[in-house]
């Protein structure tokens, strides 16, 4: 009866299917992939480096990938080439950090983190240089918007390009999650228990680097996910990485899907994801700090 009073316009169903399948579904899938990858990467790195303030970009992979993407945009490369510029630069930044850490003697993990901070600062400065010389009416707005993080132009092609590296990296981290428990006790204890610490360390770093570089190449810089989600997971399932890493996969995916939904609906103009993750992540981290008193478990 109601359908008789309100006739359906021809083509309405086709338009609705197009909006869901072409516009919405790719965004949801990519948000789930990126959120899951960044969440589990942060948990793995925090266990590896035994530092609750570590995030997936600590070795400079995010800034390196962002520099590669900004170069592509500056020189007018098509959007499809952004991923091919971003991922190699992100991986290269980790290799440079590794080379710097090997040039000095001391705690290898501490030196690697310090080298990563240096490399990240260098690539951040180079990004600023690219923005300084970019055309302020054309290239600069595109670079700035990309750096803030967005899923607005997501397509199935983006998912096809990054699905394999992200899911492959996640699977690797999940397969070695029980060894991360041992490694978090310290390298000497882990070696005493028969774990090849050097091989495991670089397996984890390699998986996290690939996942993070692939995610950044299609979403831009989305901060706080890899830092906050592992702590949220510890509140729910505890510090055991055998349960924590699978939990951060689902929590990260859910978190980024919700953030993307808020960014699309809260205002008429879409809000970049990096802004929303910062607005929501920073207060939550302050809450965690007050609750734990800085004593993370």
C-alpha atoms as a PDB file:
ATOM      1  CA  UNK A   1       0.000   0.000   0.000  1.00  0.00           C
ATOM      2  CA  UNK A   2       2.777   2.418   0.958  1.00  0.00           C
ATOM      3  CA  UNK A   3       4.711   1.600  -2.207  1.00  0.00           C
ATOM      4  CA  UNK A   4       1.631   2.439  -4.229  1.00  0.00           C
ATOM      5  CA  UNK A   5       1.420   5.876  -2.592  1.00  0.00           C
ATOM      6  CA  UNK A   6       5.164   6.567  -3.005  1.00  0.00           C
ATOM      7  CA  UNK A   7       6.254   5.205  -6.390  1.00  0.00           C
ATOM      8  CA  UNK A   8       9.884   4.177  -6.777  1.00  0.00           C
ATOM      9  CA  UNK A   9      11.688   6.195  -9.423  1.00  0.00           C
ATOM     10  CA  UNK A  10      13.274   4.186 -12.231  1.00  0.00           C
ATOM     11  CA  UNK A  11      16.916   3.565 -11.563  1.00  0.00           C
ATOM     12  CA  UNK A  12      16.676   4.327  -7.818  1.00  0.00           C
ATOM     13  CA  UNK A  13      17.690   0.796  -6.825  1.00  0.00           C
ATOM     14  CA  UNK A  14      20.638   0.895  -9.221  1.00  0.00           C
ATOM     15  CA  UNK A  15      21.805   4.197  -7.721  1.00  0.00           C
ATOM     16  CA  UNK A  16      21.549   2.833  -4.176  1.00  0.00           C
ATOM     17  CA  UNK A  17      23.522  -0.279  -5.123  1.00  0.00           C
ATOM     18  CA  UNK A  18      26.130   1.894  -6.805  1.00  0.00           C
ATOM     19  CA  UNK A  19      26.514   4.084  -3.691  1.00  0.00           C
ATOM     20  CA  UNK A  20      26.885   1.064  -1.413  1.00  0.00           C
ATOM     21  CA  UNK A  21      29.080  -1.123  -3.611  1.00  0.00           C
ATOM     22  CA  UNK A  22      31.197   1.526  -5.346  1.00  0.00           C
ATOM     23  CA  UNK A  23      31.407   4.361  -2.817  1.00  0.00           C
ATOM     24  CA  UNK A  24      30.878   2.932   0.677  1.00  0.00           C
ATOM     25  CA  UNK A  25      32.095  -0.675   0.623  1.00  0.00           C
ATOM     26  CA  UNK A  26      35.665   0.083  -0.577  1.00  0.00           C
ATOM     27  CA  UNK A  27      36.039   2.699   2.183  1.00  0.00           C
ATOM     28  CA  UNK A  28      34.868   0.285   4.848  1.00  0.00           C
ATOM     29  CA  UNK A  29      37.143  -2.497   3.624  1.00  0.00           C
ATOM     30  CA  UNK A  30      40.192  -0.238   3.407  1.00  0.00           C
ATOM     31  CA  UNK A  31      39.461   1.290   6.820  1.00  0.00           C
ATOM     32  CA  UNK A  32      39.298  -2.212   8.291  1.00  0.00           C
ATOM     33  CA  UNK A  33      42.552  -3.242   6.599  1.00  0.00           C
ATOM     34  CA  UNK A  34      44.460  -0.115   7.615  1.00  0.00           C
ATOM     35  CA  UNK A  35      43.069  -0.009  11.147  1.00  0.00           C
ATOM     36  CA  UNK A  36      43.786  -3.683  11.766  1.00  0.00           C
ATOM     37  CA  UNK A  37      47.303  -3.375  10.354  1.00  0.00           C
ATOM     38  CA  UNK A  38      48.225  -0.269  12.337  1.00  0.00           C
ATOM     39  CA  UNK A  39      46.712  -1.641  15.552  1.00  0.00           C
ATOM     40  CA  UNK A  40      48.520  -4.987  15.481  1.00  0.00           C
ATOM     41  CA  UNK A  41      51.752  -3.319  14.321  1.00  0.00           C
ATOM     42  CA  UNK A  42      51.715  -0.991  17.313  1.00  0.00           C
ATOM     43  CA  UNK A  43      51.161  -3.887  19.717  1.00  0.00           C
ATOM     44  CA  UNK A  44      53.980  -5.898  18.133  1.00  0.00           C
ATOM     45  CA  UNK A  45      56.430  -2.987  18.280  1.00  0.00           C
ATOM     46  CA  UNK A  46      55.567  -2.178  21.893  1.00  0.00           C
ATOM     47  CA  UNK A  47      56.324  -5.767  22.816  1.00  0.00           C
ATOM     48  CA  UNK A  48      59.472  -5.918  20.705  1.00  0.00           C
ATOM     49  CA  UNK A  49      60.996  -2.714  22.069  1.00  0.00           C
ATOM     50  CA  UNK A  50      59.523  -3.180  25.564  1.00  0.00           C
ATOM     51  CA  UNK A  51      58.250   0.388  25.428  1.00  0.00           C
ATOM     52  CA  UNK A  52      54.555   1.328  25.720  1.00  0.00           C
ATOM     53  CA  UNK A  53      55.142   4.648  23.942  1.00  0.00           C
ATOM     54  CA  UNK A  54      56.356   3.051  20.710  1.00  0.00           C
ATOM     55  CA  UNK A  55      54.169   3.216  17.604  1.00  0.00           C
ATOM     56  CA  UNK A  56      54.540   1.705  14.102  1.00  0.00           C
ATOM     57  CA  UNK A  57      56.138   4.892  12.754  1.00  0.00           C
ATOM     58  CA  UNK A  58      58.979   4.945  15.311  1.00  0.00           C
ATOM     59  CA  UNK A  59      61.554   3.830  12.710  1.00  0.00           C
ATOM     60  CA  UNK A  60      60.586   6.525  10.220  1.00  0.00           C
ATOM     61  CA  UNK A  61      58.464   4.413   7.902  1.00  0.00           C
ATOM     62  CA  UNK A  62      55.497   6.796   8.014  1.00  0.00           C
ATOM     63  CA  UNK A  63      57.489   9.942   7.285  1.00  0.00           C
ATOM     64  CA  UNK A  64      59.483   8.134   4.595  1.00  0.00           C
ATOM     65  CA  UNK A  65      56.333   6.898   2.864  1.00  0.00           C
ATOM     66  CA  UNK A  66      54.768  10.343   3.168  1.00  0.00           C
ATOM     67  CA  UNK A  67      57.821  11.936   1.561  1.00  0.00           C
ATOM     68  CA  UNK A  68      57.609   9.539  -1.367  1.00  0.00           C
ATOM     69  CA  UNK A  69      53.918  10.331  -1.826  1.00  0.00           C
ATOM     70  CA  UNK A  70      54.465  14.103  -1.659  1.00  0.00           C
ATOM     71  CA  UNK A  71      57.196  13.828  -4.294  1.00  0.00           C
ATOM     72  CA  UNK A  72      54.791  11.997  -6.584  1.00  0.00           C
ATOM     73  CA  UNK A  73      52.112  14.646  -6.080  1.00  0.00           C
ATOM     74  CA  UNK A  74      54.640  17.472  -6.565  1.00  0.00           C
ATOM     75  CA  UNK A  75      55.769  16.163  -9.938  1.00  0.00           C
ATOM     76  CA  UNK A  76      52.211  15.602 -11.100  1.00  0.00           C
ATOM     77  CA  UNK A  77      52.157  11.820 -10.972  1.00  0.00           C
ATOM     78  CA  UNK A  78      48.753  10.126 -11.197  1.00  0.00           C
ATOM     79  CA  UNK A  79      47.129   8.964  -7.978  1.00  0.00           C
ATOM     80  CA  UNK A  80      47.812   5.339  -8.907  1.00  0.00           C
ATOM     81  CA  UNK A  81      51.566   6.031  -8.689  1.00  0.00           C
ATOM     82  CA  UNK A  82      51.408   7.459  -5.163  1.00  0.00           C
ATOM     83  CA  UNK A  83      51.495   3.950  -3.673  1.00  0.00           C
ATOM     84  CA  UNK A  84      54.496   2.980  -5.809  1.00  0.00           C
ATOM     85  CA  UNK A  85      56.411   6.023  -4.564  1.00  0.00           C
ATOM     86  CA  UNK A  86      55.319   5.790  -0.932  1.00  0.00           C
ATOM     87  CA  UNK A  87      56.047   2.141  -0.147  1.00  0.00           C
ATOM     88  CA  UNK A  88      59.703   2.046  -1.346  1.00  0.00           C
ATOM     89  CA  UNK A  89      60.529   5.271   0.513  1.00  0.00           C
ATOM     90  CA  UNK A  90      58.917   3.918   3.682  1.00  0.00           C
ATOM     91  CA  UNK A  91      60.912   0.693   3.499  1.00  0.00           C
ATOM     92  CA  UNK A  92      64.101   2.593   2.635  1.00  0.00           C
ATOM     93  CA  UNK A  93      63.753   4.749   5.751  1.00  0.00           C
ATOM     94  CA  UNK A  94      63.889   1.647   7.947  1.00  0.00           C
ATOM     95  CA  UNK A  95      66.982   0.355   6.151  1.00  0.00           C
ATOM     96  CA  UNK A  96      68.680   3.724   6.660  1.00  0.00           C
ATOM     97  CA  UNK A  97      67.774   3.669  10.357  1.00  0.00           C
ATOM     98  CA  UNK A  98      69.174   0.149  10.601  1.00  0.00           C
ATOM     99  CA  UNK A  99      72.404   1.222   8.953  1.00  0.00           C
ATOM    100  CA  UNK A 100      72.789   4.109  11.382  1.00  0.00           C
ATOM    101  CA  UNK A 101      72.126   1.874  14.382  1.00  0.00           C
ATOM    102  CA  UNK A 102      74.786  -0.609  13.256  1.00  0.00           C
ATOM    103  CA  UNK A 103      77.374   2.174  13.023  1.00  0.00           C
ATOM    104  CA  UNK A 104      77.431   2.529  16.825  1.00  0.00           C
ATOM    105  CA  UNK A 105      77.949   0.119  19.699  1.00  0.00           C
ATOM    106  CA  UNK A 106      75.388  -0.306  22.432  1.00  0.00           C
ATOM    107  CA  UNK A 107      71.848  -1.536  22.964  1.00  0.00           C
ATOM    108  CA  UNK A 108      70.787  -2.406  19.408  1.00  0.00           C
ATOM    109  CA  UNK A 109      67.085  -1.787  20.003  1.00  0.00           C
ATOM    110  CA  UNK A 110      67.655   1.572  21.691  1.00  0.00           C
ATOM    111  CA  UNK A 111      70.032   2.673  18.927  1.00  0.00           C
ATOM    112  CA  UNK A 112      67.516   1.567  16.300  1.00  0.00           C
ATOM    113  CA  UNK A 113      64.768   3.633  17.902  1.00  0.00           C
ATOM    114  CA  UNK A 114      67.028   6.692  18.157  1.00  0.00           C
ATOM    115  CA  UNK A 115      68.103   6.267  14.535  1.00  0.00           C
ATOM    116  CA  UNK A 116      64.444   5.975  13.537  1.00  0.00           C
ATOM    117  CA  UNK A 117      63.653   9.249  15.296  1.00  0.00           C
ATOM    118  CA  UNK A 118      66.494  10.955  13.412  1.00  0.00           C
ATOM    119  CA  UNK A 119      65.356   9.572  10.050  1.00  0.00           C
ATOM    120  CA  UNK A 120      61.770  10.567  10.787  1.00  0.00           C
ATOM    121  CA  UNK A 121      62.882  14.124  11.554  1.00  0.00           C
ATOM    122  CA  UNK A 122      64.883  14.304   8.319  1.00  0.00           C
ATOM    123  CA  UNK A 123      61.999  13.092   6.156  1.00  0.00           C
ATOM    124  CA  UNK A 124      59.591  15.430   7.960  1.00  0.00           C
ATOM    125  CA  UNK A 125      61.897  18.326   7.104  1.00  0.00           C
ATOM    126  CA  UNK A 126      62.035  17.165   3.483  1.00  0.00           C
ATOM    127  CA  UNK A 127      58.239  17.059   3.382  1.00  0.00           C
ATOM    128  CA  UNK A 128      58.204  20.657   4.615  1.00  0.00           C
ATOM    129  CA  UNK A 129      60.657  21.552   1.841  1.00  0.00           C
ATOM    130  CA  UNK A 130      58.405  19.935  -0.757  1.00  0.00           C
ATOM    131  CA  UNK A 131      55.428  21.896   0.573  1.00  0.00           C
ATOM    132  CA  UNK A 132      57.489  25.100   0.494  1.00  0.00           C
ATOM    133  CA  UNK A 133      58.347  24.766  -3.194  1.00  0.00           C
ATOM    134  CA  UNK A 134      54.968  23.361  -4.285  1.00  0.00           C
ATOM    135  CA  UNK A 135      52.522  25.448  -6.298  1.00  0.00           C
ATOM    136  CA  UNK A 136      50.312  27.061  -3.609  1.00  0.00           C
ATOM    137  CA  UNK A 137      47.235  26.994  -5.846  1.00  0.00           C
ATOM    138  CA  UNK A 138      47.449  23.427  -7.103  1.00  0.00           C
ATOM    139  CA  UNK A 139      50.004  21.046  -5.612  1.00  0.00           C
ATOM    140  CA  UNK A 140      50.185  22.399  -2.065  1.00  0.00           C
ATOM    141  CA  UNK A 141      46.469  21.860  -1.245  1.00  0.00           C
ATOM    142  CA  UNK A 142      46.658  18.312  -2.643  1.00  0.00           C
ATOM    143  CA  UNK A 143      49.786  17.522  -0.595  1.00  0.00           C
ATOM    144  CA  UNK A 144      48.343  19.027   2.580  1.00  0.00           C
ATOM    145  CA  UNK A 145      45.060  17.157   2.236  1.00  0.00           C
ATOM    146  CA  UNK A 146      46.830  13.859   1.545  1.00  0.00           C
ATOM    147  CA  UNK A 147      49.059  14.273   4.605  1.00  0.00           C
ATOM    148  CA  UNK A 148      46.001  14.723   6.849  1.00  0.00           C
ATOM    149  CA  UNK A 149      44.726  11.260   5.925  1.00  0.00           C
ATOM    150  CA  UNK A 150      41.566  10.398   4.070  1.00  0.00           C
ATOM    151  CA  UNK A 151      39.626   7.537   2.497  1.00  0.00           C
ATOM    152  CA  UNK A 152      37.549   9.805   0.258  1.00  0.00           C
ATOM    153  CA  UNK A 153      38.963   8.573  -3.048  1.00  0.00           C
ATOM    154  CA  UNK A 154      39.207   4.897  -2.108  1.00  0.00           C
ATOM    155  CA  UNK A 155      38.606   2.393  -4.868  1.00  0.00           C
ATOM    156  CA  UNK A 156      38.801  -1.364  -5.269  1.00  0.00           C
ATOM    157  CA  UNK A 157      42.112  -0.840  -7.053  1.00  0.00           C
ATOM    158  CA  UNK A 158      43.572   0.635  -3.842  1.00  0.00           C
ATOM    159  CA  UNK A 159      42.398  -2.405  -1.915  1.00  0.00           C
ATOM    160  CA  UNK A 160      43.845  -4.743  -4.519  1.00  0.00           C
ATOM    161  CA  UNK A 161      47.249  -3.054  -4.240  1.00  0.00           C
ATOM    162  CA  UNK A 162      47.548  -3.143  -0.452  1.00  0.00           C
ATOM    163  CA  UNK A 163      45.435  -6.127   0.615  1.00  0.00           C
ATOM    164  CA  UNK A 164      48.222  -8.659   0.143  1.00  0.00           C
ATOM    165  CA  UNK A 165      51.028  -6.775   1.970  1.00  0.00           C
ATOM    166  CA  UNK A 166      48.776  -5.741   4.860  1.00  0.00           C
ATOM    167  CA  UNK A 167      47.113  -9.116   5.376  1.00  0.00           C
ATOM    168  CA  UNK A 168      50.437 -10.918   4.853  1.00  0.00           C
ATOM    169  CA  UNK A 169      52.128  -8.741   7.479  1.00  0.00           C
ATOM    170  CA  UNK A 170      49.271  -9.260   9.928  1.00  0.00           C
ATOM    171  CA  UNK A 171      49.430 -13.031   9.475  1.00  0.00           C
ATOM    172  CA  UNK A 172      53.197 -13.043  10.102  1.00  0.00           C
ATOM    173  CA  UNK A 173      52.758 -11.061  13.328  1.00  0.00           C
ATOM    174  CA  UNK A 174      49.958 -13.329  14.511  1.00  0.00           C
ATOM    175  CA  UNK A 175      52.044 -16.437  13.828  1.00  0.00           C
ATOM    176  CA  UNK A 176      54.943 -15.197  15.990  1.00  0.00           C
ATOM    177  CA  UNK A 177      52.859 -13.528  18.713  1.00  0.00           C
ATOM    178  CA  UNK A 178      53.814 -16.099  21.354  1.00  0.00           C
ATOM    179  CA  UNK A 179      57.500 -15.481  20.617  1.00  0.00           C
ATOM    180  CA  UNK A 180      56.971 -11.752  21.152  1.00  0.00           C
ATOM    181  CA  UNK A 181      55.955 -12.657  24.710  1.00  0.00           C
ATOM    182  CA  UNK A 182      59.362 -14.261  25.188  1.00  0.00           C
ATOM    183  CA  UNK A 183      61.229 -11.436  23.457  1.00  0.00           C
ATOM    184  CA  UNK A 184      59.545  -8.848  25.686  1.00  0.00           C
ATOM    185  CA  UNK A 185      61.298 -10.473  28.660  1.00  0.00           C
ATOM    186  CA  UNK A 186      64.659  -9.382  27.280  1.00  0.00           C
ATOM    187  CA  UNK A 187      67.083 -10.679  24.664  1.00  0.00           C
ATOM    188  CA  UNK A 188      69.221 -12.669  27.099  1.00  0.00           C
ATOM    189  CA  UNK A 189      66.211 -14.468  28.578  1.00  0.00           C
ATOM    190  CA  UNK A 190      64.792 -15.106  25.104  1.00  0.00           C
ATOM    191  CA  UNK A 191      68.070 -16.589  23.864  1.00  0.00           C
ATOM    192  CA  UNK A 192      68.233 -18.779  26.960  1.00  0.00           C
ATOM    193  CA  UNK A 193      64.803 -20.141  26.009  1.00  0.00           C
ATOM    194  CA  UNK A 194      66.020 -21.040  22.525  1.00  0.00           C
ATOM    195  CA  UNK A 195      64.632 -18.082  20.536  1.00  0.00           C
ATOM    196  CA  UNK A 196      66.702 -16.666  17.692  1.00  0.00           C
ATOM    197  CA  UNK A 197      66.245 -13.076  18.823  1.00  0.00           C
ATOM    198  CA  UNK A 198      67.951 -11.385  15.881  1.00  0.00           C
ATOM    199  CA  UNK A 199      65.906 -13.298  13.316  1.00  0.00           C
ATOM    200  CA  UNK A 200      62.668 -12.721  15.215  1.00  0.00           C
ATOM    201  CA  UNK A 201      63.390  -9.025  15.683  1.00  0.00           C
ATOM    202  CA  UNK A 202      63.858  -8.433  11.975  1.00  0.00           C
ATOM    203  CA  UNK A 203      60.903 -10.587  11.058  1.00  0.00           C
ATOM    204  CA  UNK A 204      58.675  -8.396  13.238  1.00  0.00           C
ATOM    205  CA  UNK A 205      60.271  -5.165  11.996  1.00  0.00           C
ATOM    206  CA  UNK A 206      59.910  -6.295   8.387  1.00  0.00           C
ATOM    207  CA  UNK A 207      56.238  -7.211   8.797  1.00  0.00           C
ATOM    208  CA  UNK A 208      55.404  -3.947  10.591  1.00  0.00           C
ATOM    209  CA  UNK A 209      57.296  -1.892   7.994  1.00  0.00           C
ATOM    210  CA  UNK A 210      55.445  -3.472   5.071  1.00  0.00           C
ATOM    211  CA  UNK A 211      52.055  -3.119   6.773  1.00  0.00           C
ATOM    212  CA  UNK A 212      52.604   0.497   7.799  1.00  0.00           C
ATOM    213  CA  UNK A 213      54.073   1.609   4.467  1.00  0.00           C
ATOM    214  CA  UNK A 214      51.213  -0.020   2.553  1.00  0.00           C
ATOM    215  CA  UNK A 215      48.579   1.541   4.812  1.00  0.00           C
ATOM    216  CA  UNK A 216      50.109   5.021   4.641  1.00  0.00           C
ATOM    217  CA  UNK A 217      50.411   4.816   0.854  1.00  0.00           C
ATOM    218  CA  UNK A 218      46.624   4.690   0.433  1.00  0.00           C
ATOM    219  CA  UNK A 219      45.293   6.501   3.508  1.00  0.00           C
ATOM    220  CA  UNK A 220      47.873   9.199   4.182  1.00  0.00           C
ATOM    221  CA  UNK A 221      49.185   9.799   7.686  1.00  0.00           C
ATOM    222  CA  UNK A 222      46.745   8.541  10.332  1.00  0.00           C
ATOM    223  CA  UNK A 223      48.265   8.907  13.763  1.00  0.00           C
ATOM    224  CA  UNK A 224      47.480   7.459  17.191  1.00  0.00           C
ATOM    225  CA  UNK A 225      45.917   4.204  15.971  1.00  0.00           C
ATOM    226  CA  UNK A 226      49.081   2.179  16.489  1.00  0.00           C
ATOM    227  CA  UNK A 227      49.719   3.844  19.840  1.00  0.00           C
ATOM    228  CA  UNK A 228      46.304   3.862  21.511  1.00  0.00           C
ATOM    229  CA  UNK A 229      44.734   0.634  20.217  1.00  0.00           C
ATOM    230  CA  UNK A 230      47.324  -1.670  21.873  1.00  0.00           C
ATOM    231  CA  UNK A 231      46.666  -0.013  25.245  1.00  0.00           C
ATOM    232  CA  UNK A 232      42.927  -0.394  24.749  1.00  0.00           C
ATOM    233  CA  UNK A 233      43.524  -4.054  23.947  1.00  0.00           C
ATOM    234  CA  UNK A 234      45.507  -4.521  27.170  1.00  0.00           C
ATOM    235  CA  UNK A 235      42.619  -3.079  29.143  1.00  0.00           C
ATOM    236  CA  UNK A 236      40.322  -5.717  27.637  1.00  0.00           C
ATOM    237  CA  UNK A 237      42.413  -8.898  27.255  1.00  0.00           C
ATOM    238  CA  UNK A 238      45.572  -8.200  29.251  1.00  0.00           C
ATOM    239  CA  UNK A 239      49.261  -8.013  28.199  1.00  0.00           C
ATOM    240  CA  UNK A 240      49.611 -11.549  26.814  1.00  0.00           C
ATOM    241  CA  UNK A 241      50.467 -11.073  23.131  1.00  0.00           C
ATOM    242  CA  UNK A 242      48.804 -14.369  22.203  1.00  0.00           C
ATOM    243  CA  UNK A 243      45.471 -12.697  22.956  1.00  0.00           C
ATOM    244  CA  UNK A 244      46.514  -9.064  22.561  1.00  0.00           C
ATOM    245  CA  UNK A 245      47.518  -9.152  18.906  1.00  0.00           C
ATOM    246  CA  UNK A 246      44.254 -10.726  17.648  1.00  0.00           C
ATOM    247  CA  UNK A 247      42.347  -8.245  19.821  1.00  0.00           C
ATOM    248  CA  UNK A 248      44.174  -5.269  18.305  1.00  0.00           C
ATOM    249  CA  UNK A 249      43.317  -6.507  14.819  1.00  0.00           C
ATOM    250  CA  UNK A 250      39.576  -6.280  15.511  1.00  0.00           C
ATOM    251  CA  UNK A 251      39.836  -3.154  17.688  1.00  0.00           C
ATOM    252  CA  UNK A 252      41.923  -1.291  15.115  1.00  0.00           C
ATOM    253  CA  UNK A 253      39.582  -2.208  12.272  1.00  0.00           C
ATOM    254  CA  UNK A 254      36.497  -1.185  14.257  1.00  0.00           C
ATOM    255  CA  UNK A 255      38.079   2.059  15.461  1.00  0.00           C
ATOM    256  CA  UNK A 256      39.063   3.303  12.010  1.00  0.00           C
ATOM    257  CA  UNK A 257      35.695   2.378  10.484  1.00  0.00           C
ATOM    258  CA  UNK A 258      33.953   4.397  13.219  1.00  0.00           C
ATOM    259  CA  UNK A 259      36.348   7.328  12.760  1.00  0.00           C
ATOM    260  CA  UNK A 260      35.710   7.322   9.007  1.00  0.00           C
ATOM    261  CA  UNK A 261      31.956   7.222   9.624  1.00  0.00           C
ATOM    262  CA  UNK A 262      32.201  10.219  11.951  1.00  0.00           C
ATOM    263  CA  UNK A 263      34.382  12.097   9.483  1.00  0.00           C
ATOM    264  CA  UNK A 264      31.789  11.628   6.726  1.00  0.00           C
ATOM    265  CA  UNK A 265      28.692  12.477   8.723  1.00  0.00           C
ATOM    266  CA  UNK A 266      29.454  14.944  11.512  1.00  0.00           C
ATOM    267  CA  UNK A 267      29.741  17.950   9.161  1.00  0.00           C
ATOM    268  CA  UNK A 268      28.766  18.779   5.596  1.00  0.00           C
ATOM    269  CA  UNK A 269      32.439  18.749   4.568  1.00  0.00           C
ATOM    270  CA  UNK A 270      34.386  15.570   5.230  1.00  0.00           C
ATOM    271  CA  UNK A 271      36.899  15.823   8.082  1.00  0.00           C
ATOM    272  CA  UNK A 272      40.320  14.224   7.432  1.00  0.00           C
ATOM    273  CA  UNK A 273      40.974  11.092   9.445  1.00  0.00           C
ATOM    274  CA  UNK A 274      44.257  12.330  10.901  1.00  0.00           C
ATOM    275  CA  UNK A 275      42.449  15.186  12.624  1.00  0.00           C
ATOM    276  CA  UNK A 276      39.818  12.914  14.170  1.00  0.00           C
ATOM    277  CA  UNK A 277      42.269  10.259  15.338  1.00  0.00           C
ATOM    278  CA  UNK A 278      44.323  12.977  17.014  1.00  0.00           C
ATOM    279  CA  UNK A 279      41.277  14.551  18.667  1.00  0.00           C
ATOM    280  CA  UNK A 280      40.049  11.197  19.976  1.00  0.00           C
ATOM    281  CA  UNK A 281      43.401   9.505  20.584  1.00  0.00           C
ATOM    282  CA  UNK A 282      45.180  12.170  22.628  1.00  0.00           C
ATOM    283  CA  UNK A 283      42.493  12.515  25.346  1.00  0.00           C
ATOM    284  CA  UNK A 284      42.187   8.744  25.605  1.00  0.00           C
ATOM    285  CA  UNK A 285      45.934   8.438  26.062  1.00  0.00           C
ATOM    286  CA  UNK A 286      45.799  11.087  28.816  1.00  0.00           C
ATOM    287  CA  UNK A 287      43.044   9.045  30.475  1.00  0.00           C
ATOM    288  CA  UNK A 288      45.224   5.934  30.323  1.00  0.00           C
ATOM    289  CA  UNK A 289      48.148   7.854  31.771  1.00  0.00           C
ATOM    290  CA  UNK A 290      46.097   9.072  34.720  1.00  0.00           C
ATOM    291  CA  UNK A 291      44.580   5.650  35.289  1.00  0.00           C
ATOM    292  CA  UNK A 292      47.889   3.775  35.279  1.00  0.00           C
ATOM    293  CA  UNK A 293      50.075   6.495  36.748  1.00  0.00           C
ATOM    294  CA  UNK A 294      52.595   5.759  33.997  1.00  0.00           C
ATOM    295  CA  UNK A 295      53.004   2.129  35.170  1.00  0.00           C
ATOM    296  CA  UNK A 296      52.072   0.261  31.974  1.00  0.00           C
ATOM    297  CA  UNK A 297      51.537  -3.481  31.992  1.00  0.00           C
END
